[in-house]
Amino acid sequence: MLNQQNKIYDNIKEYFDTVSMKDIRPNSWRVPIGGGFYGHEEVNAVVKCYLNGSLSIQKPVMEFENKFSNYIGTKYGIATNSGTSANILALNALIDAGYLELGDEVALPATTFISVATPILQLGLVPVYVDVEADTLNIDLDEFKKLVDDEDRNIKCVMIVHTLGNPVDMNRVNTIINNKDIQVIEDCCEAHGAECDGKKVGSYGIMSTWSFYVAHHMTTAEGGMVLTDSKELDIILKELREFGRDKEYSGERYGMNKGNLKDFDERYTFHRVGWNFRMADAPASFGIQQLAKLDDMNQIRLKYAKYLIENLSQFSQHLQIPIENTEYNVNTFYSFPIIIKKNTKIQRKNLTRYLESNGIETRAIMCGTLPDQPSLCNEIGIEYGELTQSRYIRDNGFFIGCHPCLEEDDLKHVVKTITNYFKQQGDILQ
């Protein structure tokens, strides 16, 4: 049987030796927004699970949790089926642990993905939308400080999002909170490997949440994780992840005595009202191999971002593009954001249509301004201030791909296409 398995593994390796990622990319864009970058190691790890009957939560899930938490610098990892599930579990765990109560206010950036806001609402909490900085796209820490100091508000938690891989200044966040009763959850779903002051993001807050969606820095196709240093929260999170099943086993079957249960099977004792957010072994095995390649893949992202910054800076009168990394902040560039500047006649609609007509996929900056979304504009929520920058980004921002599935010729095509667009706008811009 072992020889048969090895033949399968060898055939899969041979297949990947003869194809490129472009050959198996599931879309027709020349320059797509994102795509999984993987090889025979990941596929063989998944096949091994299925050949050996490793299906649900067994060794691969626990190994992935340990390796990823060690990489980020936390004690515990709780793997989930998505980043959204990770956000739900993190907030739910704070409620179960007594840090939050129904109706408490949770601050979050007004410009981010919708799955930062919806778990707040779904769990009976109140989102408080804070404006973002024009240059980083992250939560405006000056506005956040005003909110924390505002006696009319009672913020109990903040969801800090490291937008598109750009790290928030977590040292300043902690200074602003200054021992107040405010819990910090870092949403790192777009920021694998990003650093603030020499420390990985995701290791600052009471918990951090992660997504391993196919377009992210590393992938399990779908999947997520919650990280924490708290043993109490680790137990709560694992119980909530699996139906609320009691995880504090005595080791003695039919000896559970809780509630109205007497000498009951502890494996069928449910301590909390939970969910089914488990990750299976196959995606975890895929993730273990992806994690081993993460730093190398991020170096490619940084190389491509540097190229775009250098070659698009000629249009700085009209376009706001990211700045290069500093020793303090390491942006891992989930994508490459572009904002149309004020006082230019360039329009986002025209530029993005031109890019897409030339095979370059574009996206708006996540959800624009969250409280303006159809699903949220009539929900409970508080807009703190005018959200001026968020709404400007909503109307004038977009991003393009900056990931390892691309090649240097693809980046040259991006620069050439944008250059040609500006040449065609010559008369308009004069």
Protein backbone atom coordinates (compact mmCIF):
# COMPACT_ATOMS: atom_id res chain seq x y z
CA MET A 1 0.00 0.00 0.00
CA LEU A 2 2.84 2.38 0.82
CA ASN A 3 4.37 1.86 -2.63
CA GLN A 4 1.03 2.64 -4.25
CA GLN A 5 0.75 5.85 -2.25
CA ASN A 6 4.28 6.90 -3.17
CA LYS A 7 3.48 6.41 -6.85
CA ILE A 8 0.50 8.76 -6.46
CA TYR A 9 2.66 11.38 -4.73
CA ASP A 10 5.34 11.08 -7.43
CA ASN A 11 2.76 11.49 -10.20
CA ILE A 12 1.37 14.62 -8.57
CA LYS A 13 4.87 16.08 -8.24
CA GLU A 14 5.58 15.26 -11.88
CA TYR A 15 2.37 17.03 -12.88
CA PHE A 16 3.33 20.20 -11.03
CA ASP A 17 6.82 20.05 -12.50
CA THR A 18 5.28 20.41 -15.95
CA VAL A 19 2.72 23.17 -15.36
CA SER A 20 2.80 26.76 -14.13
CA MET A 21 0.34 28.46 -11.83
CA LYS A 22 -1.10 30.27 -14.83
CA ASP A 23 -2.02 26.90 -16.33
CA ILE A 24 -4.28 26.09 -13.37
CA ARG A 25 -5.50 29.59 -12.55
CA PRO A 26 -9.33 29.48 -12.46
CA ASN A 27 -9.99 32.76 -14.29
CA SER A 28 -9.17 34.49 -17.55
CA TRP A 29 -7.70 37.74 -16.21
CA ARG A 30 -4.15 38.42 -17.32
CA VAL A 31 -3.57 40.22 -14.00
CA PRO A 32 -6.10 38.82 -11.51
CA ILE A 33 -6.74 40.29 -8.06
CA GLY A 34 -5.48 37.14 -6.36
CA GLY A 35 -5.10 33.43 -6.63
CA GLY A 36 -3.75 30.48 -4.72
CA PHE A 37 -0.03 29.89 -5.21
CA TYR A 38 0.72 26.26 -4.41
CA GLY A 39 2.47 23.13 -5.63
CA HIS A 40 2.76 19.39 -5.20
CA GLU A 41 3.54 19.72 -1.49
CA GLU A 42 0.08 21.07 -0.67
CA VAL A 43 -1.82 18.70 -2.96
CA ASN A 44 0.09 15.65 -1.73
CA ALA A 45 -0.59 16.66 1.88
CA VAL A 46 -4.32 16.73 1.13
CA VAL A 47 -4.24 13.44 -0.77
CA LYS A 48 -2.37 11.86 2.13
CA CYS A 49 -5.22 12.82 4.47
CA TYR A 50 -7.81 11.15 2.28
CA LEU A 51 -5.70 8.05 1.65
CA ASN A 52 -5.09 7.57 5.37
CA GLY A 53 -8.57 8.37 6.67
CA SER A 54 -7.62 11.66 8.32
CA LEU A 55 -10.80 13.65 7.74
CA SER A 56 -12.11 15.66 10.68
CA ILE A 57 -10.16 17.30 13.53
CA GLN A 58 -7.20 15.07 14.13
CA LYS A 59 -3.42 15.58 14.09
CA PRO A 60 -3.17 17.93 11.03
CA VAL A 61 -5.53 20.53 12.52
CA MET A 62 -3.67 20.59 15.82
CA GLU A 63 -0.32 20.76 14.01
CA PHE A 64 -1.50 23.68 11.89
CA GLU A 65 -2.82 25.51 14.96
CA ASN A 66 0.49 25.06 16.77
CA LYS A 67 2.69 26.04 13.84
CA PHE A 68 0.68 29.12 12.90
CA SER A 69 0.38 30.38 16.48
CA ASN A 70 4.14 29.89 16.93
CA TYR A 71 4.81 31.79 13.71
CA ILE A 72 2.76 34.79 14.86
CA GLY A 73 3.99 34.58 18.45
CA THR A 74 0.96 33.52 20.50
CA LYS A 75 0.29 30.54 22.76
CA TYR A 76 -2.92 29.14 21.30
CA GLY A 77 -4.52 28.70 17.89
CA ILE A 78 -8.11 27.69 17.15
CA ALA A 79 -8.64 26.75 13.49
CA THR A 80 -12.00 27.56 11.90
CA ASN A 81 -13.78 27.12 8.59
CA SER A 82 -13.46 30.82 7.64
CA GLY A 83 -12.21 34.21 8.73
CA THR A 84 -15.79 35.33 9.30
CA SER A 85 -16.29 32.41 11.69
CA ALA A 86 -13.09 33.48 13.46
CA ASN A 87 -14.55 36.97 14.03
CA ILE A 88 -17.81 35.52 15.33
CA LEU A 89 -15.98 33.20 17.73
CA ALA A 90 -13.69 35.96 19.02
CA LEU A 91 -16.57 38.28 19.88
CA ASN A 92 -18.71 35.43 21.21
CA ALA A 93 -15.84 34.33 23.46
CA LEU A 94 -15.57 37.84 24.94
CA ILE A 95 -19.29 37.70 25.75
CA ASP A 96 -19.04 34.25 27.32
CA ALA A 97 -15.98 35.28 29.34
CA GLY A 98 -17.78 38.34 30.70
CA TYR A 99 -15.75 41.00 28.89
CA LEU A 100 -18.76 42.08 26.78
CA GLU A 101 -22.51 42.25 27.31
CA LEU A 102 -25.35 42.53 24.84
CA GLY A 103 -25.67 46.12 23.65
CA ASP A 104 -22.02 47.02 24.26
CA GLU A 105 -20.31 49.26 21.71
CA VAL A 106 -17.56 47.89 19.48
CA ALA A 107 -15.39 50.29 17.46
CA LEU A 108 -14.23 49.37 13.97
CA PRO A 109 -12.91 51.17 10.87
CA ALA A 110 -15.64 52.44 8.56
CA THR A 111 -13.71 51.14 5.55
CA THR A 112 -13.11 47.41 5.69
CA PHE A 113 -14.75 44.12 4.70
CA ILE A 114 -18.32 43.51 5.82
CA SER A 115 -17.45 40.45 7.93
CA VAL A 116 -15.89 42.76 10.52
CA ALA A 117 -19.24 44.47 11.08
CA THR A 118 -21.80 41.69 10.65
CA PRO A 119 -20.61 39.51 13.58
CA ILE A 120 -20.96 42.54 15.86
CA LEU A 121 -24.60 42.90 14.84
CA GLN A 122 -25.32 39.17 14.81
CA LEU A 123 -24.15 38.86 18.42
CA GLY A 124 -26.28 41.74 19.70
CA LEU A 125 -23.47 44.30 19.96
CA VAL A 126 -23.40 47.82 18.52
CA PRO A 127 -20.90 48.79 15.82
CA VAL A 128 -19.33 52.24 16.11
CA TYR A 129 -17.82 53.26 12.77
CA VAL A 130 -14.62 55.32 12.92
CA ASP A 131 -13.09 57.19 9.99
CA VAL A 132 -9.88 55.94 8.36
CA GLU A 133 -6.61 57.58 7.39
CA ALA A 134 -6.28 58.60 3.76
CA ASP A 135 -2.72 57.35 3.41
CA THR A 136 -2.87 54.02 5.28
CA LEU A 137 -6.58 53.14 4.81
CA ASN A 138 -6.47 52.02 8.47
CA ILE A 139 -8.56 53.29 11.38
CA ASP A 140 -7.76 56.95 12.14
CA LEU A 141 -6.08 56.74 15.53
CA ASP A 142 -6.70 60.43 16.24
CA GLU A 143 -10.43 59.83 15.76
CA PHE A 144 -10.20 56.63 17.77
CA LYS A 145 -8.62 58.53 20.67
CA LYS A 146 -11.45 61.08 20.57
CA LEU A 147 -13.93 58.21 20.69
CA VAL A 148 -12.20 56.52 23.63
CA ASP A 149 -12.11 59.83 25.54
CA ASP A 150 -15.70 60.74 24.63
CA GLU A 151 -17.79 60.59 27.82
CA ASP A 152 -20.97 60.08 25.76
CA ARG A 153 -19.66 56.79 24.38
CA ASN A 154 -18.82 53.57 26.20
CA ILE A 155 -16.54 51.56 23.92
CA LYS A 156 -15.84 48.08 25.30
CA CYS A 157 -14.00 46.56 22.35
CA VAL A 158 -12.23 47.60 19.17
CA MET A 159 -11.71 45.58 16.01
CA ILE A 160 -8.35 46.77 14.68
CA VAL A 161 -8.06 45.84 10.99
CA HIS A 162 -4.66 45.82 9.30
CA THR A 163 -6.12 46.87 5.97
CA LEU A 164 -4.76 45.15 2.86
CA GLY A 165 -1.69 44.04 4.82
CA ASN A 166 -0.77 47.51 6.11
CA PRO A 167 -0.13 47.29 9.89
CA VAL A 168 -1.79 49.67 12.33
CA ASP A 169 0.50 51.29 14.91
CA MET A 170 -0.39 48.87 17.71
CA ASN A 171 1.86 50.56 20.26
CA ARG A 172 -0.18 53.73 19.86
CA VAL A 173 -3.42 51.75 20.07
CA ASN A 174 -2.34 50.40 23.44
CA THR A 175 -1.31 53.89 24.56
CA ILE A 176 -4.73 55.27 23.62
CA ILE A 177 -6.51 52.53 25.55
CA ASN A 178 -4.15 53.09 28.51
CA ASN A 179 -5.53 50.40 30.83
CA LYS A 180 -9.14 51.27 30.06
CA ASP A 181 -11.61 48.40 30.01
CA ILE A 182 -11.42 48.03 26.23
CA GLN A 183 -10.58 44.71 24.59
CA VAL A 184 -8.55 44.68 21.36
CA ILE A 185 -9.25 42.13 18.63
CA GLU A 186 -6.86 42.33 15.70
CA ASP A 187 -8.47 41.39 12.39
CA CYS A 188 -5.44 40.17 10.44
CA CYS A 189 -7.36 38.48 7.62
CA GLU A 190 -5.40 40.50 5.04
CA ALA A 191 -2.09 40.80 6.90
CA HIS A 192 -0.26 37.47 7.22
CA GLY A 193 3.35 38.18 8.16
CA ALA A 194 2.94 41.96 8.51
CA GLU A 195 4.89 43.57 11.34
CA CYS A 196 4.67 46.59 13.63
CA ASP A 197 7.81 47.62 15.48
CA GLY A 198 9.52 44.29 14.84
CA LYS A 199 6.59 42.23 16.12
CA LYS A 200 4.09 40.29 14.03
CA VAL A 201 0.59 41.76 13.90
CA GLY A 202 -1.86 39.41 15.55
CA SER A 203 0.23 39.18 18.71
CA TYR A 204 -0.84 42.49 20.31
CA GLY A 205 -4.54 42.12 21.12
CA ILE A 206 -6.38 39.79 23.47
CA MET A 207 -7.20 37.83 20.31
CA SER A 208 -6.47 38.02 16.61
CA THR A 209 -8.47 36.62 13.71
CA TRP A 210 -7.24 35.26 10.40
CA SER A 211 -8.60 34.18 7.05
CA PHE A 212 -7.04 31.63 4.71
CA TYR A 213 -9.30 32.40 1.77
CA VAL A 214 -7.84 31.60 -1.63
CA ALA A 215 -6.86 35.21 -2.46
CA HIS A 216 -4.97 35.83 0.78
CA HIS A 217 -1.25 35.61 1.51
CA MET A 218 -1.60 31.91 2.31
CA THR A 219 -4.61 29.73 1.80
CA THR A 220 -6.46 26.60 2.80
CA ALA A 221 -9.04 27.46 0.06
CA GLU A 222 -11.49 28.43 2.79
CA GLY A 223 -10.55 28.59 6.44
CA GLY A 224 -9.56 30.80 9.33
CA MET A 225 -8.09 30.89 12.82
CA VAL A 226 -8.29 32.71 16.14
CA LEU A 227 -5.08 33.26 18.11
CA THR A 228 -4.79 34.16 21.79
CA ASP A 229 -2.46 33.98 24.78
CA SER A 230 -5.36 33.33 27.16
CA LYS A 231 -5.89 29.74 28.29
CA GLU A 232 -9.41 30.67 29.42
CA LEU A 233 -10.31 32.02 25.98
CA ASP A 234 -8.64 29.06 24.26
CA ILE A 235 -11.03 26.68 26.05
CA ILE A 236 -14.07 28.89 25.40
CA LEU A 237 -13.18 29.28 21.71
CA LYS A 238 -12.74 25.54 21.23
CA GLU A 239 -16.06 24.86 22.92
CA LEU A 240 -17.87 27.49 20.86
CA ARG A 241 -16.26 26.18 17.66
CA GLU A 242 -17.69 22.69 18.21
CA PHE A 243 -21.36 23.04 19.15
CA GLY A 244 -20.49 24.23 22.67
CA ARG A 245 -19.15 20.78 23.56
CA ASP A 246 -17.47 20.67 26.98
CA LYS A 247 -13.67 20.55 26.48
CA GLU A 248 -12.63 20.15 30.12
CA TYR A 249 -12.64 16.37 30.08
CA SER A 250 -12.10 14.39 33.24
CA GLY A 251 -10.97 11.37 31.25
CA GLU A 252 -13.66 9.23 32.85
CA ARG A 253 -16.50 8.24 30.56
CA TYR A 254 -20.03 8.36 31.97
CA GLY A 255 -18.94 10.42 34.91
CA MET A 256 -20.19 13.89 33.96
CA ASN A 257 -22.38 15.59 36.54
CA LYS A 258 -23.54 19.02 35.36
CA GLY A 259 -26.95 20.64 35.24
CA ASN A 260 -29.54 17.87 35.33
CA LEU A 261 -27.06 15.30 34.01
CA LYS A 262 -25.82 12.56 36.31
CA ASP A 263 -23.08 10.09 35.37
CA PHE A 264 -23.54 11.19 31.76
CA ASP A 265 -21.20 10.71 28.79
CA GLU A 266 -18.84 13.70 28.94
CA ARG A 267 -18.30 13.59 25.16
CA TYR A 268 -21.94 14.47 24.68
CA THR A 269 -22.10 17.21 27.28
CA PHE A 270 -22.53 20.71 25.89
CA HIS A 271 -21.30 23.52 28.08
CA ARG A 272 -22.23 26.48 25.84
CA VAL A 273 -24.55 27.46 23.00
CA GLY A 274 -22.03 27.09 20.21
CA TRP A 275 -21.50 26.77 16.47
CA ASN A 276 -20.03 24.30 14.01
CA PHE A 277 -17.03 26.24 12.74
CA ARG A 278 -14.46 23.44 12.63
CA MET A 279 -11.63 23.16 10.11
CA ALA A 280 -11.03 19.69 8.66
CA ASP A 281 -7.69 17.90 8.38
CA ALA A 282 -7.29 18.25 4.61
CA PRO A 283 -7.36 22.08 4.50
CA ALA A 284 -5.19 22.16 7.63
CA SER A 285 -2.62 19.97 5.86
CA PHE A 286 -2.72 22.33 2.90
CA GLY A 287 -2.20 25.25 5.30
CA ILE A 288 0.84 23.66 6.95
CA GLN A 289 2.59 23.56 3.59
CA GLN A 290 1.48 27.08 2.74
CA LEU A 291 2.84 28.41 6.02
CA ALA A 292 6.25 26.96 5.17
CA LYS A 293 6.22 29.09 2.00
CA LEU A 294 4.63 32.24 3.46
CA ASP A 295 7.77 34.31 3.97
CA ASP A 296 9.02 33.54 0.47
CA MET A 297 5.62 34.38 -1.03
CA ASN A 298 5.54 37.64 0.90
CA GLN A 299 8.96 38.57 -0.46
CA ILE A 300 7.51 38.30 -3.95
CA ARG A 301 4.62 40.58 -2.92
CA LEU A 302 7.08 43.13 -1.54
CA LYS A 303 9.19 42.95 -4.71
CA TYR A 304 6.14 43.54 -6.90
CA ALA A 305 4.85 46.35 -4.69
CA LYS A 306 8.24 48.07 -4.86
CA TYR A 307 8.18 47.83 -8.66
CA LEU A 308 4.70 49.35 -8.87
CA ILE A 309 5.57 52.12 -6.42
CA GLU A 310 8.69 53.06 -8.36
CA ASN A 311 7.01 52.99 -11.76
CA LEU A 312 3.68 54.59 -10.89
CA SER A 313 5.14 57.45 -8.85
CA GLN A 314 5.31 59.45 -12.09
CA PHE A 315 1.53 59.85 -11.75
CA SER A 316 1.65 61.07 -8.14
CA GLN A 317 -0.09 64.31 -9.13
CA HIS A 318 -3.19 62.29 -9.91
CA LEU A 319 -2.88 58.98 -8.03
CA GLN A 320 -2.20 58.19 -4.38
CA ILE A 321 -0.19 54.99 -4.17
CA PRO A 322 1.31 53.23 -1.13
CA ILE A 323 4.66 54.16 0.34
CA GLU A 324 7.52 51.71 0.72
CA ASN A 325 8.03 49.84 3.97
CA THR A 326 9.98 51.29 6.87
CA GLU A 327 11.90 49.56 9.66
CA TYR A 328 8.91 50.19 11.94
CA ASN A 329 6.14 48.92 9.66
CA VAL A 330 6.20 45.95 7.28
CA ASN A 331 3.22 46.00 4.92
CA THR A 332 2.78 42.60 3.26
CA PHE A 333 0.58 43.98 0.44
CA TYR A 334 -2.47 41.79 0.19
CA SER A 335 -3.10 43.98 -2.85
CA PHE A 336 -1.97 47.29 -4.32
CA PRO A 337 -4.41 50.14 -3.51
CA ILE A 338 -4.76 53.24 -5.68
CA ILE A 339 -6.76 56.36 -4.76
CA ILE A 340 -7.71 59.04 -7.30
CA LYS A 341 -6.51 62.32 -5.83
CA LYS A 342 -8.59 65.45 -5.44
CA ASN A 343 -8.26 68.24 -8.03
CA THR A 344 -7.61 65.87 -10.92
CA LYS A 345 -9.89 65.19 -13.87
CA ILE A 346 -9.13 61.47 -13.76
CA GLN A 347 -12.19 59.41 -12.81
CA ARG A 348 -12.08 56.04 -11.11
CA LYS A 349 -14.85 54.64 -13.28
CA ASN A 350 -13.02 55.42 -16.50
CA LEU A 351 -9.60 54.28 -15.30
CA THR A 352 -10.82 50.96 -13.86
CA ARG A 353 -12.86 50.21 -16.99
CA TYR A 354 -9.77 50.85 -19.09
CA LEU A 355 -7.68 48.56 -16.87
CA GLU A 356 -10.25 45.77 -17.03
CA SER A 357 -10.60 46.11 -20.80
CA ASN A 358 -6.86 45.36 -20.88
CA GLY A 359 -7.08 42.27 -18.69
CA ILE A 360 -6.28 43.88 -15.32
CA GLU A 361 -8.82 42.96 -12.66
CA THR A 362 -9.84 45.68 -10.17
CA ARG A 363 -11.85 45.92 -6.96
CA ALA A 364 -13.21 48.77 -4.87
CA ILE A 365 -11.48 49.26 -1.51
CA MET A 366 -13.41 46.52 0.26
CA CYS A 367 -16.92 47.72 1.13
CA GLY A 368 -16.33 51.45 0.74
CA THR A 369 -18.03 52.91 3.81
CA LEU A 370 -19.71 50.12 5.77
CA PRO A 371 -22.77 52.00 7.10
CA ASP A 372 -23.59 52.95 3.49
CA GLN A 373 -23.97 49.32 2.45
CA PRO A 374 -27.61 48.29 1.72
CA SER A 375 -27.50 45.56 4.35
CA LEU A 376 -26.15 47.86 7.07
CA CYS A 377 -27.58 51.32 6.45
CA ASN A 378 -30.83 50.44 8.23
CA GLU A 379 -29.21 48.37 10.99
CA ILE A 380 -28.28 49.63 14.42
CA GLY A 381 -24.92 51.38 14.36
CA ILE A 382 -23.21 54.65 15.21
CA GLU A 383 -21.20 56.79 12.81
CA TYR A 384 -18.56 58.61 14.84
CA GLY A 385 -17.99 61.87 12.98
CA GLU A 386 -18.51 62.54 9.29
CA LEU A 387 -16.43 59.62 7.97
CA THR A 388 -15.02 62.04 5.39
CA GLN A 389 -11.97 60.04 4.35
CA SER A 390 -13.88 56.77 4.28
CA ARG A 391 -16.45 58.19 1.91
CA TYR A 392 -13.76 59.72 -0.29
CA ILE A 393 -12.08 56.31 -0.54
CA ARG A 394 -15.50 54.76 -1.19
CA ASP A 395 -15.90 56.95 -4.28
CA ASN A 396 -12.31 57.15 -5.52
CA GLY A 397 -10.37 54.08 -4.42
CA PHE A 398 -9.64 50.69 -5.96
CA PHE A 399 -6.98 48.01 -5.84
CA ILE A 400 -5.19 45.67 -8.22
CA GLY A 401 -3.31 42.40 -7.78
CA CYS A 402 0.13 42.11 -6.21
CA HIS A 403 0.71 38.42 -5.53
CA PRO A 404 3.01 35.48 -6.34
CA CYS A 405 0.81 34.09 -9.12
CA LEU A 406 1.84 37.08 -11.22
CA GLU A 407 5.05 37.41 -13.21
CA GLU A 408 7.19 40.45 -13.91
CA ASP A 409 5.70 40.79 -17.39
CA ASP A 410 2.27 41.14 -15.77
CA LEU A 411 3.50 44.06 -13.66
CA LYS A 412 5.06 45.67 -16.73
CA HIS A 413 1.70 45.31 -18.45
CA VAL A 414 0.02 47.15 -15.56
CA VAL A 415 2.46 50.05 -15.75
CA LYS A 416 2.24 50.21 -19.54
CA THR A 417 -1.56 50.18 -19.46
CA ILE A 418 -1.78 52.98 -16.88
CA THR A 419 0.83 54.97 -18.83
CA ASN A 420 -1.18 54.58 -22.03
CA TYR A 421 -4.32 55.67 -20.23
CA PHE A 422 -2.68 58.90 -19.09
CA LYS A 423 -1.34 59.53 -22.58
CA GLN A 424 -4.87 59.26 -23.90
CA GLN A 425 -6.04 61.75 -21.27
CA GLY A 426 -3.40 64.31 -22.24
CA ASP A 427 -5.78 66.98 -23.54
CA ILE A 428 -8.19 66.49 -20.63
CA LEU A 429 -5.47 66.89 -18.02
CA GLN A 430 -4.00 70.09 -19.43
